[in-house]
Amino acid sequence: MPDAPLSDAVHVGLDLGTQSARAVAVDGGGRLVAAASRPLTGRRDGARHEQDPAQWWSAVAAACREALAGIAPERVRGVAVDATSGTVLLADRQGRALTPGLMYDDGRARAYTARVNKEGGAVWRDLGYRAMQPSWALPKLLWLLDNTDFPDARLLHQSDLITWRLAGRQVASDTSHALKTGYHLVEERWPDDELARLGVPAGLLPDVVRPGTVVGTVCAAAAGATGLPAGTPVVAGMTDGCAAQIGAGALTPGAWNSVLGTTLVLKGVSPHLVRDPGGVVYCHRGPGGIWLPGGASGSGAGALARRFPGADLDALTAAAAATGSTAVAYPLAGGGGERFPFLAPDATPFLLGDADGDAEEFHALLLGTACVERLCLDRLDHLGAPVGGPLSLTGGGARNRYWSQLRADVLGRTVTLPEHAESATGMAVLAATASGATLEEAASAMVRVREELTPDPSRTARLTPVYLRFVDELTRRGLLEPAVAEHARGKAER
């Protein structure tokens, strides 16, 4: 069967988030041809946050099968997968899960972090961050090794399980998902000596390639389960935050993408490696020699779901917008503390000002998220990362137009809302490189802007003191470094 013309080709992106698995089919001009999703469920208990890896595959397969129904097989030219960063499991040599998936914010490995940083501190500093965090994959791997007895196991990142199922065999992981497991992005290798001192067995870790590499093709069994044609190229993906960055087209130095979902993730582009002595900002490798600095917060829209479960969020937004309240809440989404714009595992939520009733409390959480976002960018600027380029907003939170405008007003800068930018769309753009296009060419052709929001100067002037009050409170509580707080105040005064 002949290949479809490039303009008629369809590229498939698969996204594993916290609450759902999503599949999209996007054509070469950026038109969303089809999309589908399936829910995911997890188990939380204190520091524990697990999901069933078998559900990941069944959800991805069902979503993909629905999205591709009615699309001619010859149009499908590639597939790529993204997943949550730092989510890992142990599997046997046939790819069957031996353990639950320890999710990105699972905190059970805190006791292992000091040992990880003692043995690998020089490596982590070489990569631009001071230390690994308890929620990162390598400490969780040590926890798994000490709390299970599977001598012939393989470590898989969340996306690795899906690519294994797609190809019918284990294929290489990607540098993006491997970063938090200790992969050396500068030298592009596993730090074998440091890992050996930590007791990580040889052969436990996967091979690793750069994102965009074709690692295999869809096997017959996966074709039957997903609707993807057998032989479709499987392209090495990236973590969900980087995937959303691609979907937003943020691929030039100084450009940033802010992904607001359960938590807030900022990803940008720098011509140089950005080093953070505070240990909260780290860099992925990007195409063409660029670096992708950023960080993942413990704050975000998850705070809304926790405080207002099952509520009509549209109605609450309308009521909140009418209040004019300037009360501000620190919107931690879960029990794992804060990871960005500062590292504070024991951080707890707080409220500044009076919030009378649900509408004002809801607004305080919206405003608090915008303040965290501005502080993230101020910290990045303090570190020397270029932050003055275009800023795009994506993720579920970006669908709330009032919230997006509020974020623009707090930031005091224009923001763009891409038409279909999300992690799955970014993977469709990356999958398009299997047809021979560069990532920049694919993004230029496939990423569309839906709307541009400009800040209201009077509202920015009214909200800036609220932001500084928020910064002062974080500093008073010992959560934010004084130097970062001073930089934020200086920027606000200028």
Protein backbone atom coordinates (compact mmCIF):
# COMPACT_ATOMS: atom_id res chain seq x y z
CA MET A 1 0.00 0.00 0.00
CA PRO A 2 1.57 3.38 -0.97
CA ASP A 3 2.41 5.97 1.65
CA ALA A 4 0.01 8.87 2.16
CA PRO A 5 1.22 12.26 0.87
CA LEU A 6 2.91 14.25 3.66
CA SER A 7 0.04 16.76 3.84
CA ASP A 8 -2.41 13.90 4.32
CA ALA A 9 -0.23 11.98 6.79
CA VAL A 10 -1.42 11.46 10.36
CA HIS A 11 0.88 11.39 13.35
CA VAL A 12 -0.18 9.85 16.65
CA GLY A 13 0.68 11.14 20.12
CA LEU A 14 0.04 9.10 23.27
CA ASP A 15 0.03 10.79 26.67
CA LEU A 16 -0.03 9.17 30.12
CA GLY A 17 -1.06 11.76 32.68
CA THR A 18 -2.07 11.47 36.31
CA GLN A 19 -5.77 11.05 35.70
CA SER A 20 -6.08 9.83 32.12
CA ALA A 21 -4.42 8.32 29.07
CA ARG A 22 -4.98 10.30 25.88
CA ALA A 23 -4.43 9.59 22.19
CA VAL A 24 -4.50 12.19 19.41
CA ALA A 25 -4.15 11.95 15.65
CA VAL A 26 -2.84 15.16 14.06
CA ASP A 27 -2.27 15.79 10.36
CA GLY A 28 0.73 17.49 8.79
CA GLY A 29 -0.95 20.90 8.89
CA GLY A 30 -1.72 20.73 12.60
CA ARG A 31 -5.40 19.78 12.28
CA LEU A 32 -6.64 17.58 15.11
CA VAL A 33 -8.13 14.69 13.18
CA ALA A 34 -9.28 12.69 16.20
CA ALA A 35 -8.74 12.34 19.95
CA ALA A 36 -9.86 10.03 22.71
CA SER A 37 -9.03 9.39 26.36
CA ARG A 38 -9.57 6.85 29.10
CA PRO A 39 -9.44 7.43 32.87
CA LEU A 40 -6.63 6.26 35.11
CA THR A 41 -6.99 5.58 38.81
CA GLY A 42 -4.38 5.64 41.52
CA ARG A 43 -3.93 4.81 45.17
CA ARG A 44 -2.78 7.47 47.62
CA ASP A 45 -1.94 6.80 51.25
CA GLY A 46 0.33 9.28 52.97
CA ALA A 47 3.59 9.39 51.02
CA ARG A 48 2.43 6.51 48.79
CA HIS A 49 1.07 7.18 45.30
CA GLU A 50 0.78 4.17 43.01
CA GLN A 51 -0.94 3.18 39.80
CA ASP A 52 -1.46 -0.21 38.13
CA PRO A 53 0.81 -0.49 35.06
CA ALA A 54 -1.63 -2.91 33.43
CA GLN A 55 -4.18 -0.12 33.44
CA TRP A 56 -1.75 2.18 31.64
CA TRP A 57 -1.61 -0.15 28.66
CA SER A 58 -5.32 -0.98 28.57
CA ALA A 59 -6.21 2.72 28.77
CA VAL A 60 -3.69 3.74 26.10
CA ALA A 61 -4.80 0.92 23.78
CA ALA A 62 -8.49 1.75 24.13
CA ALA A 63 -7.96 5.48 23.62
CA CYS A 64 -5.76 4.89 20.59
CA ARG A 65 -8.20 2.42 19.08
CA GLU A 66 -11.04 4.92 19.40
CA ALA A 67 -9.00 7.83 18.01
CA LEU A 68 -7.92 5.86 14.93
CA ALA A 69 -11.31 4.42 14.09
CA GLY A 70 -12.19 5.63 10.59
CA ILE A 71 -8.66 6.81 9.73
CA ALA A 72 -7.16 5.00 6.77
CA PRO A 73 -4.18 2.92 7.94
CA GLU A 74 -1.91 4.21 5.16
CA ARG A 75 -2.20 7.75 6.57
CA VAL A 76 -0.56 6.85 9.90
CA ARG A 77 3.16 7.63 9.76
CA GLY A 78 4.46 7.52 13.34
CA VAL A 79 3.67 7.33 17.05
CA ALA A 80 5.42 8.74 20.13
CA VAL A 81 4.67 8.44 23.86
CA ASP A 82 5.06 10.80 26.79
CA ALA A 83 4.47 10.07 30.47
CA THR A 84 4.85 11.57 33.92
CA SER A 85 8.42 12.37 34.94
CA GLY A 86 10.01 10.12 37.54
CA THR A 87 7.32 7.41 37.47
CA VAL A 88 8.94 3.96 37.53
CA LEU A 89 8.31 0.24 38.11
CA LEU A 90 10.13 -3.06 38.00
CA ALA A 91 9.25 -5.54 35.24
CA ASP A 92 10.38 -9.01 34.28
CA ARG A 93 12.30 -9.87 31.12
CA GLN A 94 9.04 -10.27 29.20
CA GLY A 95 7.88 -6.78 30.13
CA ARG A 96 5.31 -7.87 32.72
CA ALA A 97 5.03 -5.51 35.68
CA LEU A 98 6.38 -6.92 38.93
CA THR A 99 5.51 -3.89 41.04
CA PRO A 100 2.98 -1.09 40.97
CA GLY A 101 4.05 2.09 39.23
CA LEU A 102 5.55 4.49 41.77
CA MET A 103 4.19 7.80 40.60
CA TYR A 104 6.07 11.05 40.05
CA ASP A 105 5.15 12.40 43.50
CA ASP A 106 5.49 9.19 45.53
CA GLY A 107 7.50 10.18 48.60
CA ARG A 108 8.50 6.87 50.15
CA ALA A 109 12.12 7.13 49.02
CA ARG A 110 13.00 10.19 51.06
CA ALA A 111 15.38 8.21 53.30
CA TYR A 112 17.40 7.14 50.24
CA THR A 113 17.99 10.63 48.88
CA ALA A 114 21.02 11.48 51.01
CA ARG A 115 22.82 8.32 49.87
CA VAL A 116 21.98 9.00 46.23
CA ASN A 117 23.36 12.51 46.48
CA LYS A 118 26.48 11.42 48.36
CA GLU A 119 27.45 8.84 45.75
CA GLY A 120 26.39 10.82 42.68
CA GLY A 121 26.68 14.42 43.78
CA ALA A 122 29.42 15.29 41.29
CA VAL A 123 27.38 13.83 38.43
CA TRP A 124 24.24 15.73 39.39
CA ARG A 125 26.14 19.00 39.74
CA ASP A 126 27.70 18.41 36.33
CA LEU A 127 24.18 18.21 34.93
CA GLY A 128 23.24 21.55 36.43
CA TYR A 129 21.25 20.65 39.54
CA ARG A 130 22.50 20.46 43.08
CA ALA A 131 20.89 17.23 44.15
CA MET A 132 18.26 14.65 43.40
CA GLN A 133 14.90 15.05 45.11
CA PRO A 134 13.02 12.32 47.02
CA SER A 135 10.39 12.03 44.30
CA TRP A 136 12.95 11.43 41.53
CA ALA A 137 13.31 8.01 39.98
CA LEU A 138 16.73 6.92 41.28
CA PRO A 139 15.84 7.14 45.00
CA LYS A 140 12.61 5.29 44.21
CA LEU A 141 14.60 2.59 42.41
CA LEU A 142 16.68 2.03 45.54
CA TRP A 143 13.48 1.81 47.58
CA LEU A 144 12.13 -0.79 45.16
CA LEU A 145 15.33 -2.82 45.32
CA ASP A 146 15.25 -2.85 49.13
CA ASN A 147 11.53 -3.63 49.41
CA THR A 148 11.11 -6.30 46.71
CA ASP A 149 12.89 -9.51 45.76
CA PHE A 150 13.08 -9.70 41.97
CA PRO A 151 16.70 -10.55 41.13
CA ASP A 152 16.23 -10.56 37.35
CA ALA A 153 14.10 -7.44 37.05
CA ARG A 154 14.33 -4.49 34.66
CA LEU A 155 13.66 -0.90 35.62
CA LEU A 156 11.08 0.72 33.35
CA HIS A 157 9.99 4.32 33.19
CA GLN A 158 6.26 4.71 32.69
CA SER A 159 6.63 5.35 28.96
CA ASP A 160 8.99 2.36 28.56
CA LEU A 161 6.22 -0.08 29.40
CA ILE A 162 4.08 1.38 26.61
CA THR A 163 6.84 1.37 23.98
CA TRP A 164 7.65 -2.23 24.94
CA ARG A 165 4.03 -3.19 24.33
CA LEU A 166 3.94 -1.26 21.05
CA ALA A 167 7.09 -2.85 19.66
CA GLY A 168 6.57 -6.28 21.19
CA ARG A 169 10.05 -6.17 22.71
CA GLN A 170 12.05 -3.90 24.96
CA VAL A 171 13.27 -0.82 23.12
CA ALA A 172 15.50 2.01 24.28
CA SER A 173 14.25 4.59 26.73
CA ASP A 174 14.75 8.29 26.01
CA THR A 175 17.04 10.80 27.70
CA SER A 176 14.08 12.84 28.91
CA HIS A 177 12.51 10.09 31.00
CA ALA A 178 15.94 8.79 32.06
CA LEU A 179 17.13 12.12 33.50
CA LYS A 180 15.64 11.56 36.97
CA THR A 181 17.10 8.05 37.07
CA GLY A 182 20.60 9.56 36.89
CA TYR A 183 21.40 9.40 33.17
CA HIS A 184 24.31 11.71 32.32
CA LEU A 185 22.89 14.04 29.68
CA VAL A 186 26.21 15.73 28.90
CA GLU A 187 28.19 12.52 28.36
CA GLU A 188 25.10 10.54 27.30
CA ARG A 189 25.73 7.46 29.41
CA TRP A 190 24.69 5.86 32.68
CA PRO A 191 27.16 6.77 35.47
CA ASP A 192 28.15 3.16 36.07
CA ASP A 193 30.57 3.69 38.96
CA GLU A 194 28.14 5.77 41.00
CA LEU A 195 25.27 3.39 40.30
CA ALA A 196 27.37 0.40 41.30
CA ARG A 197 28.21 2.03 44.64
CA LEU A 198 24.49 2.51 45.19
CA GLY A 199 23.90 -1.20 44.61
CA VAL A 200 22.11 -0.89 41.26
CA PRO A 201 22.73 -4.22 39.45
CA ALA A 202 24.30 -4.18 36.01
CA GLY A 203 21.71 -4.80 33.31
CA LEU A 204 18.82 -3.37 35.36
CA LEU A 205 18.64 -0.08 33.44
CA PRO A 206 17.47 0.34 29.84
CA ASP A 207 19.47 1.53 26.88
CA VAL A 208 18.86 5.24 26.22
CA VAL A 209 18.60 7.32 23.04
CA ARG A 210 17.74 10.92 22.28
CA PRO A 211 14.07 11.90 21.83
CA GLY A 212 12.98 11.67 18.22
CA THR A 213 14.96 8.50 17.53
CA VAL A 214 12.99 5.72 15.84
CA VAL A 215 13.36 2.83 18.31
CA GLY A 216 11.12 0.20 16.71
CA THR A 217 7.89 -0.45 14.84
CA VAL A 218 4.41 -1.43 15.98
CA CYS A 219 4.10 -5.21 16.24
CA ALA A 220 1.10 -7.27 15.14
CA ALA A 221 -0.24 -7.79 18.68
CA ALA A 222 -0.08 -4.07 19.44
CA ALA A 223 -1.70 -3.28 16.10
CA GLY A 224 -4.67 -5.42 17.08
CA ALA A 225 -4.93 -3.76 20.49
CA THR A 226 -4.43 -0.12 19.44
CA GLY A 227 -5.55 0.22 15.82
CA LEU A 228 -2.08 1.43 14.86
CA PRO A 229 -0.97 -0.24 11.62
CA ALA A 230 1.71 -2.88 12.09
CA GLY A 231 5.06 -1.45 11.04
CA THR A 232 4.30 2.11 12.15
CA PRO A 233 7.54 3.73 13.42
CA VAL A 234 7.73 4.11 17.21
CA VAL A 235 9.58 7.33 18.05
CA ALA A 236 11.36 7.89 21.38
CA GLY A 237 9.33 10.45 23.31
CA MET A 238 9.81 12.86 26.20
CA THR A 239 8.30 13.55 29.61
CA ASP A 240 4.87 15.19 29.73
CA GLY A 241 6.21 18.68 30.45
CA CYS A 242 8.66 18.57 27.54
CA ALA A 243 5.96 17.08 25.32
CA ALA A 244 3.64 19.98 26.07
CA GLN A 245 6.48 22.37 25.33
CA ILE A 246 6.82 20.84 21.86
CA GLY A 247 3.06 21.00 21.39
CA ALA A 248 3.15 24.70 22.21
CA GLY A 249 5.94 25.32 19.71
CA ALA A 250 8.30 26.68 22.40
CA LEU A 251 11.53 25.69 20.70
CA THR A 252 13.53 28.95 20.36
CA PRO A 253 15.85 30.45 23.04
CA GLY A 254 13.87 32.49 25.58
CA ALA A 255 10.54 30.84 24.75
CA TRP A 256 8.60 29.22 27.61
CA ASN A 257 5.64 26.95 28.01
CA SER A 258 3.69 26.82 31.26
CA VAL A 259 1.67 23.64 31.69
CA LEU A 260 -1.07 23.91 34.30
CA GLY A 261 -2.57 20.56 35.18
CA THR A 262 -2.69 18.79 38.53
CA THR A 263 0.63 20.54 39.10
CA LEU A 264 2.38 23.44 37.35
CA VAL A 265 5.31 22.67 35.04
CA LEU A 266 7.45 25.30 33.28
CA LYS A 267 9.71 24.38 30.38
CA GLY A 268 11.80 26.76 28.31
CA VAL A 269 14.69 26.95 25.87
CA SER A 270 18.23 28.10 26.60
CA PRO A 271 21.35 28.08 24.41
CA HIS A 272 23.35 26.96 27.46
CA LEU A 273 23.00 24.57 30.38
CA VAL A 274 21.30 26.39 33.29
CA ARG A 275 22.78 25.44 36.65
CA ASP A 276 20.80 25.87 39.86
CA PRO A 277 22.67 25.64 43.19
CA GLY A 278 19.29 25.44 44.91
CA GLY A 279 18.53 22.16 43.21
CA VAL A 280 15.05 22.88 41.83
CA VAL A 281 15.73 23.71 38.17
CA TYR A 282 17.18 21.09 35.87
CA CYS A 283 17.70 20.78 32.11
CA HIS A 284 16.66 18.26 29.49
CA ARG A 285 18.57 17.94 26.24
CA GLY A 286 16.84 19.48 23.26
CA PRO A 287 17.36 19.22 19.51
CA GLY A 288 20.14 21.10 17.76
CA GLY A 289 22.31 21.57 20.84
CA ILE A 290 19.78 23.59 22.85
CA TRP A 291 18.89 22.91 26.48
CA LEU A 292 15.40 22.76 27.95
CA PRO A 293 15.50 24.14 31.52
CA GLY A 294 12.51 24.00 33.78
CA GLY A 295 10.93 22.58 36.85
CA ALA A 296 7.79 20.90 38.15
CA SER A 297 5.93 22.48 41.04
CA GLY A 298 3.95 20.74 43.75
CA SER A 299 1.31 23.44 43.29
CA GLY A 300 -1.42 23.63 40.68
CA ALA A 301 -4.98 22.80 39.77
CA GLY A 302 -4.92 19.71 41.97
CA ALA A 303 -5.51 22.08 44.88
CA LEU A 304 -8.90 22.94 43.36
CA ALA A 305 -9.86 19.29 43.04
CA ARG A 306 -8.86 18.62 46.64
CA ARG A 307 -10.75 21.60 48.08
CA PHE A 308 -13.81 21.46 45.79
CA PRO A 309 -14.31 17.80 44.79
CA GLY A 310 -17.10 17.33 42.29
CA ALA A 311 -17.89 21.05 42.14
CA ASP A 312 -19.09 22.92 39.04
CA LEU A 313 -15.80 24.69 38.30
CA ASP A 314 -17.31 26.89 35.59
CA ALA A 315 -19.88 28.22 38.06
CA LEU A 316 -17.23 28.69 40.71
CA THR A 317 -15.04 30.58 38.24
CA ALA A 318 -17.87 32.94 37.33
CA ALA A 319 -18.59 33.58 40.99
CA ALA A 320 -14.90 34.03 41.77
CA ALA A 321 -14.41 36.52 38.93
CA ALA A 322 -17.18 38.69 40.36
CA THR A 323 -15.64 38.95 43.84
CA GLY A 324 -12.69 41.21 43.10
CA SER A 325 -10.94 39.49 46.03
CA THR A 326 -7.18 39.82 46.51
CA ALA A 327 -6.88 37.06 49.11
CA VAL A 328 -4.21 34.64 47.95
CA ALA A 329 -3.73 30.97 48.84
CA TYR A 330 -0.65 28.81 48.49
CA PRO A 331 -2.12 26.08 46.22
CA LEU A 332 -0.21 22.90 47.02
CA ALA A 333 -1.80 20.07 45.07
CA GLY A 334 -0.79 17.08 47.19
CA GLY A 335 1.06 15.91 50.26
CA GLY A 336 4.58 15.89 48.81
CA GLY A 337 5.51 19.47 49.66
CA GLU A 338 7.00 21.86 47.11
CA ARG A 339 9.52 21.16 44.32
CA PHE A 340 9.57 24.43 42.33
CA PRO A 341 10.14 27.43 42.62
CA PHE A 342 11.86 26.16 45.77
CA LEU A 343 12.47 22.79 47.37
CA ALA A 344 10.52 22.26 50.59
CA PRO A 345 9.24 18.71 51.21
CA ASP A 346 7.44 19.85 54.38
CA ALA A 347 5.71 22.91 52.89
CA THR A 348 2.02 23.28 53.73
CA PRO A 349 -0.76 25.43 52.22
CA PHE A 350 -1.70 28.80 53.69
CA LEU A 351 -4.07 31.70 53.03
CA LEU A 352 -3.23 35.41 53.10
CA GLY A 353 -6.17 37.76 53.51
CA ASP A 354 -9.86 37.08 54.09
CA ALA A 355 -11.69 34.65 51.83
CA ASP A 356 -15.35 34.58 52.83
CA GLY A 357 -17.18 31.75 51.14
CA ASP A 358 -16.38 29.30 48.38
CA ALA A 359 -16.11 31.88 45.58
CA GLU A 360 -13.43 33.93 47.33
CA GLU A 361 -11.54 30.84 48.47
CA PHE A 362 -11.65 29.48 44.91
CA HIS A 363 -10.33 32.80 43.61
CA ALA A 364 -7.55 32.76 46.20
CA LEU A 365 -6.37 29.43 44.79
CA LEU A 366 -6.47 30.74 41.21
CA LEU A 367 -4.50 33.81 42.25
CA GLY A 368 -2.03 31.76 44.28
CA THR A 369 -1.24 29.56 41.30
CA ALA A 370 -0.52 32.67 39.21
CA CYS A 371 1.80 33.94 41.95
CA VAL A 372 3.69 30.62 42.04
CA GLU A 373 4.02 30.83 38.25
CA ARG A 374 5.48 34.35 38.41
CA LEU A 375 7.90 33.29 41.13
CA CYS A 376 9.04 30.35 39.00
CA LEU A 377 9.92 32.72 36.17
CA ASP A 378 11.63 35.12 38.58
CA ARG A 379 13.77 32.28 39.90
CA LEU A 380 14.69 31.23 36.38
CA ASP A 381 15.67 34.80 35.56
CA HIS A 382 17.75 34.92 38.75
CA LEU A 383 19.66 31.85 37.50
CA GLY A 384 20.43 33.47 34.16
CA ALA A 385 17.95 31.55 32.06
CA PRO A 386 16.51 33.65 29.20
CA VAL A 387 12.85 34.31 30.04
CA GLY A 388 11.92 37.22 27.78
CA GLY A 389 10.62 35.27 24.79
CA PRO A 390 7.05 34.20 24.01
CA LEU A 391 5.11 32.48 26.79
CA SER A 392 2.43 29.92 26.00
CA LEU A 393 -0.11 28.45 28.43
CA THR A 394 -1.21 24.85 28.07
CA GLY A 395 -2.68 22.06 30.19
CA GLY A 396 -6.19 21.68 31.56
CA GLY A 397 -5.96 24.93 33.51
CA ALA A 398 -5.45 26.91 30.28
CA ARG A 399 -8.99 26.00 29.22
CA ASN A 400 -10.27 28.31 31.96
CA ARG A 401 -10.12 31.65 30.13
CA TYR A 402 -10.59 33.77 33.25
CA TRP A 403 -7.72 31.97 34.95
CA SER A 404 -5.49 32.45 31.90
CA GLN A 405 -6.25 36.17 31.82
CA LEU A 406 -5.58 36.38 35.56
CA ARG A 407 -2.21 34.70 35.00
CA ALA A 408 -1.36 37.21 32.24
CA ASP A 409 -2.32 40.07 34.56
CA VAL A 410 -0.22 38.77 37.47
CA LEU A 411 2.73 38.14 35.16
CA GLY A 412 2.31 41.46 33.39
CA ARG A 413 3.10 39.89 30.03
CA THR A 414 1.32 38.69 26.93
CA VAL A 415 0.56 34.97 26.76
CA THR A 416 -0.58 32.78 23.90
CA LEU A 417 -3.03 29.90 24.02
CA PRO A 418 -2.15 27.31 21.37
CA GLU A 419 -5.09 25.73 19.60
CA HIS A 420 -4.35 22.12 20.46
CA ALA A 421 -1.14 22.26 22.49
CA GLU A 422 -1.01 19.50 25.03
CA SER A 423 1.38 16.71 25.78
CA ALA A 424 -0.26 14.28 23.36
CA THR A 425 -0.13 16.89 20.58
CA GLY A 426 3.56 17.46 21.26
CA MET A 427 4.15 13.76 20.81
CA ALA A 428 2.29 13.86 17.50
CA VAL A 429 4.64 16.65 16.40
CA LEU A 430 7.65 14.59 17.50
CA ALA A 431 6.25 11.52 15.75
CA ALA A 432 6.15 13.55 12.52
CA THR A 433 9.96 13.60 12.50
CA ALA A 434 9.83 9.91 11.54
CA SER A 435 8.82 11.15 8.08
CA GLY A 436 12.07 13.11 7.72
CA ALA A 437 11.14 16.60 8.96
CA THR A 438 13.18 18.30 11.67
CA LEU A 439 11.39 18.99 14.93
CA GLU A 440 11.39 22.73 14.22
CA GLU A 441 9.90 22.15 10.77
CA ALA A 442 7.22 19.86 12.14
CA ALA A 443 6.32 22.31 14.91
CA SER A 444 6.19 25.23 12.50
CA ALA A 445 3.72 23.37 10.31
CA MET A 446 1.63 21.76 13.03
CA VAL A 447 1.37 24.20 15.98
CA ARG A 448 -1.47 26.74 15.78
CA VAL A 449 -2.25 29.66 18.13
CA ARG A 450 -5.87 29.93 19.21
CA GLU A 451 -5.76 33.20 21.13
CA GLU A 452 -3.40 35.83 22.50
CA LEU A 453 -4.11 37.46 25.87
CA THR A 454 -2.57 40.79 26.84
CA PRO A 455 -2.35 41.95 30.47
CA ASP A 456 -4.51 44.74 31.86
CA PRO A 457 -1.92 47.27 33.18
CA SER A 458 -4.22 48.55 35.94
CA ARG A 459 -4.90 45.04 37.16
CA THR A 460 -1.21 44.16 37.03
CA ALA A 461 -0.48 47.21 39.19
CA ARG A 462 -3.16 46.12 41.69
CA LEU A 463 -1.98 42.49 41.83
CA THR A 464 1.78 43.07 42.02
CA PRO A 465 1.63 44.01 45.73
CA VAL A 466 -0.36 40.80 46.30
CA TYR A 467 2.42 38.84 44.62
CA LEU A 468 5.07 40.54 46.75
CA ARG A 469 3.06 39.84 49.89
CA PHE A 470 2.99 36.18 48.84
CA VAL A 471 6.78 36.23 48.28
CA ASP A 472 7.32 37.85 51.69
CA GLU A 473 5.25 35.18 53.42
CA LEU A 474 7.18 32.37 51.75
CA THR A 475 10.40 34.04 52.86
CA ARG A 476 9.14 34.57 56.42
CA ARG A 477 8.31 30.87 56.65
CA GLY A 478 11.83 29.96 55.58
CA LEU A 479 10.67 28.33 52.34
CA LEU A 480 12.12 30.78 49.80
CA GLU A 481 15.76 31.82 49.69
CA PRO A 482 16.18 35.54 50.51
CA ALA A 483 18.30 36.11 47.38
CA VAL A 484 15.50 34.86 45.13
CA ALA A 485 12.94 36.93 47.03
CA GLU A 486 15.10 40.04 46.66
CA HIS A 487 15.47 39.41 42.94
CA ALA A 488 11.69 39.10 42.61
CA ARG A 489 11.16 42.37 44.47
CA GLY A 490 13.77 44.11 42.34
CA LYS A 491 12.13 42.98 39.14
CA ALA A 492 8.74 44.15 40.37
CA GLU A 493 10.11 47.58 41.24
CA ARG A 494 11.64 47.91 37.76
